[in-house]
Amino acid sequence: MKTKVHVYLKPGVLDVQGKAIEGALHDLGWGDVANVRVGKTIEFEVAGADRVKAEAEAKAMADKLLANTVIESYRVEIV
């Protein structure tokens, strides 16, 4: 099953990359843009047809490796 894990910094954690992008957008004339946050998406295939199992495995992967759960949150999407 095609799986996507979307990882984002938790609210309140300073997003330096987001601030840099926000500043650049302002410099380019999009001054009404605010609160830019940057994340990452990790895509992979999980063998089998059991959607519930694939989601559980993806969450375990995110907890153990794909996200730093101290400062990041994540969302699993099975497509």
PDB file of N, CA and C in Angstrom:
ATOM      1  N   MET A   1       0.845  -1.177   0.000  1.00  0.00           N
ATOM      2  CA  MET A   1       0.000   0.000   0.000  1.00  0.00           C
ATOM      3  C   MET A   1       0.890   1.240   0.000  1.00  0.00           C
ATOM      4  N   LYS A   2       0.531   2.182  -0.828  1.00  0.00           N
ATOM      5  CA  LYS A   2       1.282   3.437  -0.866  1.00  0.00           C
ATOM      6  C   LYS A   2       0.982   4.212   0.409  1.00  0.00           C
ATOM      7  N   THR A   3       2.035   4.625   1.062  1.00  0.00           N
ATOM      8  CA  THR A   3       1.923   5.279   2.357  1.00  0.00           C
ATOM      9  C   THR A   3       2.687   6.593   2.340  1.00  0.00           C
ATOM     10  N   LYS A   4       2.098   7.602   2.948  1.00  0.00           N
ATOM     11  CA  LYS A   4       2.769   8.896   3.100  1.00  0.00           C
ATOM     12  C   LYS A   4       2.762   9.261   4.580  1.00  0.00           C
ATOM     13  N   VAL A   5       3.907   9.729   5.069  1.00  0.00           N
ATOM     14  CA  VAL A   5       4.010  10.243   6.431  1.00  0.00           C
ATOM     15  C   VAL A   5       4.389  11.718   6.298  1.00  0.00           C
ATOM     16  N   HIS A   6       3.507  12.584   6.781  1.00  0.00           N
ATOM     17  CA  HIS A   6       3.736  14.030   6.751  1.00  0.00           C
ATOM     18  C   HIS A   6       4.245  14.447   8.130  1.00  0.00           C
ATOM     19  N   VAL A   7       5.416  15.065   8.175  1.00  0.00           N
ATOM     20  CA  VAL A   7       6.062  15.439   9.436  1.00  0.00           C
ATOM     21  C   VAL A   7       6.183  16.960   9.506  1.00  0.00           C
ATOM     22  N   TYR A   8       5.765  17.520  10.635  1.00  0.00           N
ATOM     23  CA  TYR A   8       5.807  18.976  10.838  1.00  0.00           C
ATOM     24  C   TYR A   8       6.332  19.285  12.227  1.00  0.00           C
ATOM     25  N   LEU A   9       6.930  20.462  12.376  1.00  0.00           N
ATOM     26  CA  LEU A   9       7.320  20.919  13.709  1.00  0.00           C
ATOM     27  C   LEU A   9       6.062  21.194  14.530  1.00  0.00           C
ATOM     28  N   LYS A  10       6.128  20.879  15.800  1.00  0.00           N
ATOM     29  CA  LYS A  10       4.986  21.142  16.676  1.00  0.00           C
ATOM     30  C   LYS A  10       4.789  22.647  16.840  1.00  0.00           C
ATOM     31  N   PRO A  11       3.554  23.065  17.115  1.00  0.00           N
ATOM     32  CA  PRO A  11       3.311  24.493  17.378  1.00  0.00           C
ATOM     33  C   PRO A  11       4.198  24.968  18.530  1.00  0.00           C
ATOM     34  N   GLY A  12       4.732  26.145  18.392  1.00  0.00           N
ATOM     35  CA  GLY A  12       5.595  26.701  19.433  1.00  0.00           C
ATOM     36  C   GLY A  12       7.073  26.433  19.203  1.00  0.00           C
ATOM     37  N   VAL A  13       7.407  25.489  18.330  1.00  0.00           N
ATOM     38  CA  VAL A  13       8.801  25.224  17.988  1.00  0.00           C
ATOM     39  C   VAL A  13       9.190  26.168  16.853  1.00  0.00           C
ATOM     40  N   LEU A  14      10.267  26.908  17.050  1.00  0.00           N
ATOM     41  CA  LEU A  14      10.705  27.878  16.048  1.00  0.00           C
ATOM     42  C   LEU A  14      11.061  27.176  14.748  1.00  0.00           C
ATOM     43  N   ASP A  15      10.457  27.612  13.655  1.00  0.00           N
ATOM     44  CA  ASP A  15      10.709  27.069  12.328  1.00  0.00           C
ATOM     45  C   ASP A  15      11.575  28.063  11.561  1.00  0.00           C
ATOM     46  N   VAL A  16      12.882  27.916  11.685  1.00  0.00           N
ATOM     47  CA  VAL A  16      13.832  28.847  11.078  1.00  0.00           C
ATOM     48  C   VAL A  16      13.690  28.842   9.559  1.00  0.00           C
ATOM     49  N   GLN A  17      13.532  27.681   8.974  1.00  0.00           N
ATOM     50  CA  GLN A  17      13.383  27.589   7.520  1.00  0.00           C
ATOM     51  C   GLN A  17      12.087  28.266   7.073  1.00  0.00           C
ATOM     52  N   GLY A  18      11.017  28.079   7.831  1.00  0.00           N
ATOM     53  CA  GLY A  18       9.756  28.738   7.515  1.00  0.00           C
ATOM     54  C   GLY A  18       9.877  30.252   7.580  1.00  0.00           C
ATOM     55  N   LYS A  19      10.593  30.750   8.598  1.00  0.00           N
ATOM     56  CA  LYS A  19      10.794  32.201   8.720  1.00  0.00           C
ATOM     57  C   LYS A  19      11.598  32.742   7.539  1.00  0.00           C
ATOM     58  N   ALA A  20      12.617  31.996   7.100  1.00  0.00           N
ATOM     59  CA  ALA A  20      13.428  32.437   5.963  1.00  0.00           C
ATOM     60  C   ALA A  20      12.579  32.497   4.684  1.00  0.00           C
ATOM     61  N   ILE A  21      11.744  31.491   4.488  1.00  0.00           N
ATOM     62  CA  ILE A  21      10.873  31.481   3.311  1.00  0.00           C
ATOM     63  C   ILE A  21       9.866  32.624   3.386  1.00  0.00           C
ATOM     64  N   GLU A  22       9.314  32.843   4.568  1.00  0.00           N
ATOM     65  CA  GLU A  22       8.362  33.944   4.739  1.00  0.00           C
ATOM     66  C   GLU A  22       9.008  35.277   4.399  1.00  0.00           C
ATOM     67  N   GLY A  23      10.231  35.503   4.864  1.00  0.00           N
ATOM     68  CA  GLY A  23      10.944  36.739   4.550  1.00  0.00           C
ATOM     69  C   GLY A  23      11.195  36.891   3.063  1.00  0.00           C
ATOM     70  N   ALA A  24      11.570  35.796   2.411  1.00  0.00           N
ATOM     71  CA  ALA A  24      11.818  35.845   0.968  1.00  0.00           C
ATOM     72  C   ALA A  24      10.527  36.132   0.203  1.00  0.00           C
ATOM     73  N   LEU A  25       9.422  35.538   0.629  1.00  0.00           N
ATOM     74  CA  LEU A  25       8.139  35.816  -0.022  1.00  0.00           C
ATOM     75  C   LEU A  25       7.753  37.284   0.127  1.00  0.00           C
ATOM     76  N   HIS A  26       8.005  37.843   1.306  1.00  0.00           N
ATOM     77  CA  HIS A  26       7.732  39.267   1.515  1.00  0.00           C
ATOM     78  C   HIS A  26       8.594  40.113   0.584  1.00  0.00           C
ATOM     79  N   ASP A  27       9.878  39.743   0.473  1.00  0.00           N
ATOM     80  CA  ASP A  27      10.786  40.486  -0.410  1.00  0.00           C
ATOM     81  C   ASP A  27      10.348  40.429  -1.871  1.00  0.00           C
ATOM     82  N   LEU A  28       9.682  39.346  -2.239  1.00  0.00           N
ATOM     83  CA  LEU A  28       9.231  39.174  -3.621  1.00  0.00           C
ATOM     84  C   LEU A  28       7.844  39.768  -3.866  1.00  0.00           C
ATOM     85  N   GLY A  29       7.295  40.424  -2.839  1.00  0.00           N
ATOM     86  CA  GLY A  29       6.035  41.121  -3.036  1.00  0.00           C
ATOM     87  C   GLY A  29       4.798  40.461  -2.448  1.00  0.00           C
ATOM     88  N   TRP A  30       4.940  39.322  -1.822  1.00  0.00           N
ATOM     89  CA  TRP A  30       3.801  38.664  -1.186  1.00  0.00           C
ATOM     90  C   TRP A  30       3.806  38.964   0.312  1.00  0.00           C
ATOM     91  N   GLY A  31       3.547  40.212   0.634  1.00  0.00           N
ATOM     92  CA  GLY A  31       3.614  40.672   2.015  1.00  0.00           C
ATOM     93  C   GLY A  31       2.488  40.189   2.905  1.00  0.00           C
ATOM     94  N   ASP A  32       1.433  39.658   2.312  1.00  0.00           N
ATOM     95  CA  ASP A  32       0.304  39.197   3.120  1.00  0.00           C
ATOM     96  C   ASP A  32       0.461  37.752   3.596  1.00  0.00           C
ATOM     97  N   VAL A  33       1.586  37.112   3.276  1.00  0.00           N
ATOM     98  CA  VAL A  33       1.858  35.746   3.721  1.00  0.00           C
ATOM     99  C   VAL A  33       2.370  35.791   5.158  1.00  0.00           C
ATOM    100  N   ALA A  34       1.858  34.898   6.002  1.00  0.00           N
ATOM    101  CA  ALA A  34       2.279  34.877   7.405  1.00  0.00           C
ATOM    102  C   ALA A  34       2.305  33.445   7.928  1.00  0.00           C
ATOM    103  N   ASN A  35       3.056  33.235   8.975  1.00  0.00           N
ATOM    104  CA  ASN A  35       3.117  31.965   9.702  1.00  0.00           C
ATOM    105  C   ASN A  35       3.506  30.780   8.811  1.00  0.00           C
ATOM    106  N   VAL A  36       4.542  30.961   8.001  1.00  0.00           N
ATOM    107  CA  VAL A  36       5.003  29.889   7.115  1.00  0.00           C
ATOM    108  C   VAL A  36       5.666  28.806   7.965  1.00  0.00           C
ATOM    109  N   ARG A  37       5.277  27.560   7.726  1.00  0.00           N
ATOM    110  CA  ARG A  37       5.849  26.399   8.402  1.00  0.00           C
ATOM    111  C   ARG A  37       6.309  25.416   7.329  1.00  0.00           C
ATOM    112  N   VAL A  38       7.444  24.809   7.535  1.00  0.00           N
ATOM    113  CA  VAL A  38       7.994  23.860   6.577  1.00  0.00           C
ATOM    114  C   VAL A  38       7.946  22.466   7.190  1.00  0.00           C
ATOM    115  N   GLY A  39       7.565  21.487   6.384  1.00  0.00           N
ATOM    116  CA  GLY A  39       7.534  20.105   6.834  1.00  0.00           C
ATOM    117  C   GLY A  39       8.176  19.215   5.793  1.00  0.00           C
ATOM    118  N   LYS A  40       8.021  17.929   5.995  1.00  0.00           N
ATOM    119  CA  LYS A  40       8.541  16.975   5.018  1.00  0.00           C
ATOM    120  C   LYS A  40       7.523  15.858   4.838  1.00  0.00           C
ATOM    121  N   THR A  41       7.534  15.271   3.658  1.00  0.00           N
ATOM    122  CA  THR A  41       6.678  14.131   3.359  1.00  0.00           C
ATOM    123  C   THR A  41       7.568  12.971   2.952  1.00  0.00           C
ATOM    124  N   ILE A  42       7.337  11.833   3.574  1.00  0.00           N
ATOM    125  CA  ILE A  42       8.085  10.617   3.268  1.00  0.00           C
ATOM    126  C   ILE A  42       7.097   9.630   2.661  1.00  0.00           C
ATOM    127  N   GLU A  43       7.391   9.147   1.457  1.00  0.00           N
ATOM    128  CA  GLU A  43       6.499   8.223   0.756  1.00  0.00           C
ATOM    129  C   GLU A  43       7.174   6.870   0.609  1.00  0.00           C
ATOM    130  N   PHE A  44       6.408   5.804   0.803  1.00  0.00           N
ATOM    131  CA  PHE A  44       6.935   4.454   0.630  1.00  0.00           C
ATOM    132  C   PHE A  44       5.790   3.474   0.443  1.00  0.00           C
ATOM    133  N   GLU A  45       6.132   2.265   0.061  1.00  0.00           N
ATOM    134  CA  GLU A  45       5.162   1.187  -0.127  1.00  0.00           C
ATOM    135  C   GLU A  45       5.264   0.227   1.050  1.00  0.00           C
ATOM    136  N   VAL A  46       4.118  -0.200   1.564  1.00  0.00           N
ATOM    137  CA  VAL A  46       4.057  -1.235   2.593  1.00  0.00           C
ATOM    138  C   VAL A  46       3.374  -2.438   1.947  1.00  0.00           C
ATOM    139  N   ALA A  47       4.028  -3.606   1.989  1.00  0.00           N
ATOM    140  CA  ALA A  47       3.484  -4.808   1.351  1.00  0.00           C
ATOM    141  C   ALA A  47       2.210  -5.249   2.058  1.00  0.00           C
ATOM    142  N   GLY A  48       1.308  -5.816   1.285  1.00  0.00           N
ATOM    143  CA  GLY A  48       0.070  -6.342   1.835  1.00  0.00           C
ATOM    144  C   GLY A  48      -1.109  -5.447   1.528  1.00  0.00           C
ATOM    145  N   ALA A  49      -2.292  -5.964   1.817  1.00  0.00           N
ATOM    146  CA  ALA A  49      -3.523  -5.243   1.501  1.00  0.00           C
ATOM    147  C   ALA A  49      -4.302  -4.836   2.741  1.00  0.00           C
ATOM    148  N   ASP A  50      -3.733  -5.057   3.917  1.00  0.00           N
ATOM    149  CA  ASP A  50      -4.425  -4.718   5.157  1.00  0.00           C
ATOM    150  C   ASP A  50      -4.142  -3.263   5.519  1.00  0.00           C
ATOM    151  N   ARG A  51      -5.124  -2.415   5.280  1.00  0.00           N
ATOM    152  CA  ARG A  51      -4.977  -0.972   5.500  1.00  0.00           C
ATOM    153  C   ARG A  51      -4.674  -0.634   6.956  1.00  0.00           C
ATOM    154  N   VAL A  52      -5.342  -1.287   7.884  1.00  0.00           N
ATOM    155  CA  VAL A  52      -5.151  -1.020   9.319  1.00  0.00           C
ATOM    156  C   VAL A  52      -3.730  -1.392   9.746  1.00  0.00           C
ATOM    157  N   LYS A  53      -3.246  -2.537   9.265  1.00  0.00           N
ATOM    158  CA  LYS A  53      -1.887  -2.967   9.604  1.00  0.00           C
ATOM    159  C   LYS A  53      -0.850  -2.018   9.002  1.00  0.00           C
ATOM    160  N   ALA A  54      -1.073  -1.611   7.748  1.00  0.00           N
ATOM    161  CA  ALA A  54      -0.135  -0.693   7.091  1.00  0.00           C
ATOM    162  C   ALA A  54      -0.053   0.630   7.844  1.00  0.00           C
ATOM    163  N   GLU A  55      -1.204   1.129   8.295  1.00  0.00           N
ATOM    164  CA  GLU A  55      -1.203   2.388   9.050  1.00  0.00           C
ATOM    165  C   GLU A  55      -0.488   2.224  10.387  1.00  0.00           C
ATOM    166  N   ALA A  56      -0.713   1.111  11.065  1.00  0.00           N
ATOM    167  CA  ALA A  56      -0.041   0.859  12.348  1.00  0.00           C
ATOM    168  C   ALA A  56       1.471   0.761  12.165  1.00  0.00           C
ATOM    169  N   GLU A  57       1.902   0.086  11.102  1.00  0.00           N
ATOM    170  CA  GLU A  57       3.337  -0.025  10.831  1.00  0.00           C
ATOM    171  C   GLU A  57       3.943   1.343  10.518  1.00  0.00           C
ATOM    172  N   ALA A  58       3.246   2.156   9.730  1.00  0.00           N
ATOM    173  CA  ALA A  58       3.748   3.485   9.395  1.00  0.00           C
ATOM    174  C   ALA A  58       3.863   4.361  10.641  1.00  0.00           C
ATOM    175  N   LYS A  59       2.884   4.257  11.548  1.00  0.00           N
ATOM    176  CA  LYS A  59       2.957   5.023  12.794  1.00  0.00           C
ATOM    177  C   LYS A  59       4.137   4.571  13.642  1.00  0.00           C
ATOM    178  N   ALA A  60       4.391   3.264  13.695  1.00  0.00           N
ATOM    179  CA  ALA A  60       5.542   2.757  14.448  1.00  0.00           C
ATOM    180  C   ALA A  60       6.843   3.273  13.836  1.00  0.00           C
ATOM    181  N   MET A  61       6.919   3.292  12.498  1.00  0.00           N
ATOM    182  CA  MET A  61       8.108   3.825  11.825  1.00  0.00           C
ATOM    183  C   MET A  61       8.311   5.296  12.158  1.00  0.00           C
ATOM    184  N   ALA A  62       7.228   6.059  12.148  1.00  0.00           N
ATOM    185  CA  ALA A  62       7.315   7.492  12.440  1.00  0.00           C
ATOM    186  C   ALA A  62       7.764   7.718  13.883  1.00  0.00           C
ATOM    187  N   ASP A  63       7.212   6.950  14.803  1.00  0.00           N
ATOM    188  CA  ASP A  63       7.591   7.096  16.215  1.00  0.00           C
ATOM    189  C   ASP A  63       9.052   6.749  16.459  1.00  0.00           C
ATOM    190  N   LYS A  64       9.564   5.751  15.762  1.00  0.00           N
ATOM    191  CA  LYS A  64      10.918   5.264  16.023  1.00  0.00           C
ATOM    192  C   LYS A  64      11.991   5.926  15.177  1.00  0.00           C
ATOM    193  N   LEU A  65      11.627   6.419  13.970  1.00  0.00           N
ATOM    194  CA  LEU A  65      12.671   6.909  13.080  1.00  0.00           C
ATOM    195  C   LEU A  65      12.322   8.164  12.297  1.00  0.00           C
ATOM    196  N   LEU A  66      11.143   8.218  11.723  1.00  0.00           N
ATOM    197  CA  LEU A  66      10.842   9.261  10.742  1.00  0.00           C
ATOM    198  C   LEU A  66      10.580  10.634  11.342  1.00  0.00           C
ATOM    199  N   ALA A  67      10.137  10.685  12.591  1.00  0.00           N
ATOM    200  CA  ALA A  67       9.854  11.971  13.243  1.00  0.00           C
ATOM    201  C   ALA A  67      10.546  12.025  14.597  1.00  0.00           C
ATOM    202  N   ASN A  68      11.014  13.200  14.938  1.00  0.00           N
ATOM    203  CA  ASN A  68      11.526  13.445  16.290  1.00  0.00           C
ATOM    204  C   ASN A  68      10.323  13.902  17.110  1.00  0.00           C
ATOM    205  N   THR A  69       9.694  12.977  17.807  1.00  0.00           N
ATOM    206  CA  THR A  69       8.412  13.263  18.453  1.00  0.00           C
ATOM    207  C   THR A  69       8.511  14.248  19.617  1.00  0.00           C
ATOM    208  N   VAL A  70       9.709  14.642  19.982  1.00  0.00           N
ATOM    209  CA  VAL A  70       9.860  15.684  21.000  1.00  0.00           C
ATOM    210  C   VAL A  70       9.465  17.037  20.415  1.00  0.00           C
ATOM    211  N   ILE A  71       9.859  17.283  19.163  1.00  0.00           N
ATOM    212  CA  ILE A  71       9.597  18.585  18.540  1.00  0.00           C
ATOM    213  C   ILE A  71       8.734  18.504  17.289  1.00  0.00           C
ATOM    214  N   GLU A  72       8.441  17.288  16.811  1.00  0.00           N
ATOM    215  CA  GLU A  72       7.669  17.140  15.581  1.00  0.00           C
ATOM    216  C   GLU A  72       6.417  16.296  15.812  1.00  0.00           C
ATOM    217  N   SER A  73       5.401  16.592  15.035  1.00  0.00           N
ATOM    218  CA  SER A  73       4.218  15.740  14.983  1.00  0.00           C
ATOM    219  C   SER A  73       4.129  15.180  13.569  1.00  0.00           C
ATOM    220  N   TYR A  74       3.274  14.193  13.384  1.00  0.00           N
ATOM    221  CA  TYR A  74       3.159  13.599  12.060  1.00  0.00           C
ATOM    222  C   TYR A  74       1.728  13.144  11.805  1.00  0.00           C
ATOM    223  N   ARG A  75       1.458  12.905  10.527  1.00  0.00           N
ATOM    224  CA  ARG A  75       0.166  12.390  10.092  1.00  0.00           C
ATOM    225  C   ARG A  75       0.442  11.320   9.055  1.00  0.00           C
ATOM    226  N   VAL A  76      -0.186  10.159   9.221  1.00  0.00           N
ATOM    227  CA  VAL A  76      -0.020   9.055   8.279  1.00  0.00           C
ATOM    228  C   VAL A  76      -1.197   9.063   7.313  1.00  0.00           C
ATOM    229  N   GLU A  77      -0.879   8.867   6.038  1.00  0.00           N
ATOM    230  CA  GLU A  77      -1.902   8.814   4.996  1.00  0.00           C
ATOM    231  C   GLU A  77      -1.665   7.538   4.172  1.00  0.00           C
ATOM    232  N   ILE A  78      -2.689   6.704   4.085  1.00  0.00           N
ATOM    233  CA  ILE A  78      -2.645   5.514   3.246  1.00  0.00           C
ATOM    234  C   ILE A  78      -3.439   5.848   1.984  1.00  0.00           C
ATOM    235  N   VAL A  79      -2.774   5.777   0.819  1.00  0.00           N
ATOM    236  CA  VAL A  79      -3.442   6.145  -0.434  1.00  0.00           C
ATOM    237  C   VAL A  79      -3.666   4.947  -1.321  1.00  0.00           C
TER     238      VAL A  79
END
